[in-house]
Amino acid sequence: MYTITGTFTLASGVEGSSTDCHGTGGYDDIRANLAVIVRSGDGEIIATGSLGKGVFPPGAGHTCAFPMTIAVPKSDFYSIEVGHRGELTYSFDDMVARGWTVALTIGQ
């Protein structure tokens, strides 16, 4: 097993406090516990998880960052989808080169 860690950052439509933020308006689905699905290259769901509590990162302006940690089996490709916001796909070699860390952003 491998562990994908990272953040999902919302750059618009944000409200809340520095220790508990979430999306509003067209982003109101983006909040803690939103589903994260990881699929293999053939589209099979191989792991699921959820976003952690959103926080305003120091010096990052009015953005809300949600942590995520998901254990995954070995696969040639990993397609990561947060909620219904589309997938980003990485090869196994990409993930190794990234140290199994991803930084996803929406709303710029």
Protein backbone atom coordinates (compact mmCIF):
# COMPACT_ATOMS: atom_id res chain seq x y z
CA MET A 1 0.00 0.00 0.00
CA TYR A 2 0.96 3.61 -0.61
CA THR A 3 -0.38 6.77 1.00
CA ILE A 4 -1.41 9.82 -1.03
CA THR A 5 -1.33 12.99 1.07
CA GLY A 6 -2.03 16.53 0.07
CA THR A 7 -4.37 19.47 0.03
CA PHE A 8 -7.43 20.53 -1.90
CA THR A 9 -7.48 24.34 -1.95
CA LEU A 10 -10.54 26.46 -2.66
CA ALA A 11 -9.46 29.86 -4.01
CA SER A 12 -12.91 31.55 -4.41
CA GLY A 13 -16.28 31.47 -2.70
CA VAL A 14 -14.83 30.93 0.76
CA GLU A 15 -16.28 31.75 4.17
CA GLY A 16 -15.67 30.74 7.76
CA SER A 17 -12.97 31.23 10.34
CA SER A 18 -9.22 30.66 10.16
CA THR A 19 -9.70 27.23 11.75
CA ASP A 20 -12.90 26.12 10.00
CA CYS A 21 -13.62 27.38 6.47
CA HIS A 22 -15.77 26.04 3.62
CA GLY A 23 -17.14 26.97 0.22
CA THR A 24 -20.19 29.12 -0.55
CA GLY A 25 -22.32 29.87 -3.60
CA GLY A 26 -21.29 27.59 -6.44
CA TYR A 27 -18.74 25.97 -4.15
CA ASP A 28 -21.06 25.23 -1.21
CA ASP A 29 -20.44 21.48 -1.59
CA ILE A 30 -16.77 21.96 -0.73
CA ARG A 31 -16.36 21.37 2.98
CA ALA A 32 -14.92 18.89 5.46
CA ASN A 33 -15.91 15.26 4.81
CA LEU A 34 -16.46 15.76 1.06
CA ALA A 35 -15.74 12.44 -0.65
CA VAL A 36 -12.39 11.80 -2.36
CA ILE A 37 -12.37 8.89 -4.81
CA VAL A 38 -9.28 7.33 -6.36
CA ARG A 39 -9.63 5.22 -9.48
CA SER A 40 -7.13 3.02 -11.31
CA GLY A 41 -6.24 3.56 -14.95
CA ASP A 42 -9.16 1.36 -16.03
CA GLY A 43 -11.66 3.40 -13.99
CA GLU A 44 -12.08 0.97 -11.09
CA ILE A 45 -12.48 2.59 -7.67
CA ILE A 46 -9.45 1.49 -5.66
CA ALA A 47 -9.72 3.79 -2.63
CA THR A 48 -11.99 6.34 -1.00
CA GLY A 49 -11.51 8.97 1.65
CA SER A 50 -12.69 12.44 2.55
CA LEU A 51 -11.42 15.97 3.03
CA GLY A 52 -10.37 17.09 6.50
CA LYS A 53 -11.42 20.37 8.10
CA GLY A 54 -10.66 23.44 6.00
CA VAL A 55 -8.29 26.15 7.29
CA PHE A 56 -7.01 29.48 5.98
CA PRO A 57 -3.27 28.87 5.37
CA PRO A 58 -1.02 31.68 6.69
CA GLY A 59 0.00 34.07 3.92
CA ALA A 60 -2.20 32.40 1.29
CA GLY A 61 -4.83 35.13 1.07
CA HIS A 62 -8.49 34.24 1.38
CA THR A 63 -8.19 30.58 0.37
CA CYS A 64 -9.40 27.51 2.24
CA ALA A 65 -7.16 24.42 2.32
CA PHE A 66 -8.49 20.95 3.13
CA PRO A 67 -6.05 18.14 4.00
CA MET A 68 -6.49 14.64 2.64
CA THR A 69 -4.79 11.30 3.24
CA ILE A 70 -5.76 8.17 1.31
CA ALA A 71 -4.15 4.72 1.34
CA VAL A 72 -4.01 3.20 -2.15
CA PRO A 73 -2.77 -0.06 -3.66
CA LYS A 74 -0.18 -0.12 -6.44
CA SER A 75 -1.64 0.91 -9.79
CA ASP A 76 -0.21 2.14 -13.09
CA PHE A 77 -2.38 5.28 -12.83
CA TYR A 78 -4.30 7.14 -10.12
CA SER A 79 -7.27 9.38 -10.98
CA ILE A 80 -8.19 11.54 -7.98
CA GLU A 81 -11.64 13.13 -7.81
CA VAL A 82 -12.87 15.41 -5.03
CA GLY A 83 -16.67 15.50 -4.90
CA HIS A 84 -17.98 15.94 -8.44
CA ARG A 85 -15.22 18.38 -9.44
CA GLY A 86 -13.48 16.28 -12.08
CA GLU A 87 -10.47 14.00 -11.96
CA LEU A 88 -6.75 14.62 -12.13
CA THR A 89 -4.69 11.64 -13.22
CA TYR A 90 -1.12 10.77 -12.25
CA SER A 91 1.00 7.80 -13.25
CA PHE A 92 2.68 5.62 -10.63
CA ASP A 93 6.02 7.19 -11.62
CA ASP A 94 4.52 10.70 -11.24
CA MET A 95 3.37 9.85 -7.72
CA VAL A 96 6.78 8.47 -6.76
CA ALA A 97 8.47 11.62 -8.13
CA ARG A 98 6.02 13.79 -6.13
CA GLY A 99 6.69 11.86 -2.94
CA TRP A 100 3.04 10.70 -2.98
CA THR A 101 1.91 14.29 -2.37
CA VAL A 102 -0.62 16.25 -4.44
CA ALA A 103 -1.82 19.85 -4.28
CA LEU A 104 -5.16 20.41 -6.02
CA THR A 105 -6.77 23.86 -6.43
CA ILE A 106 -10.18 25.01 -7.66
CA GLY A 107 -11.77 28.42 -8.09
CA GLN A 108 -8.95 30.55 -9.40
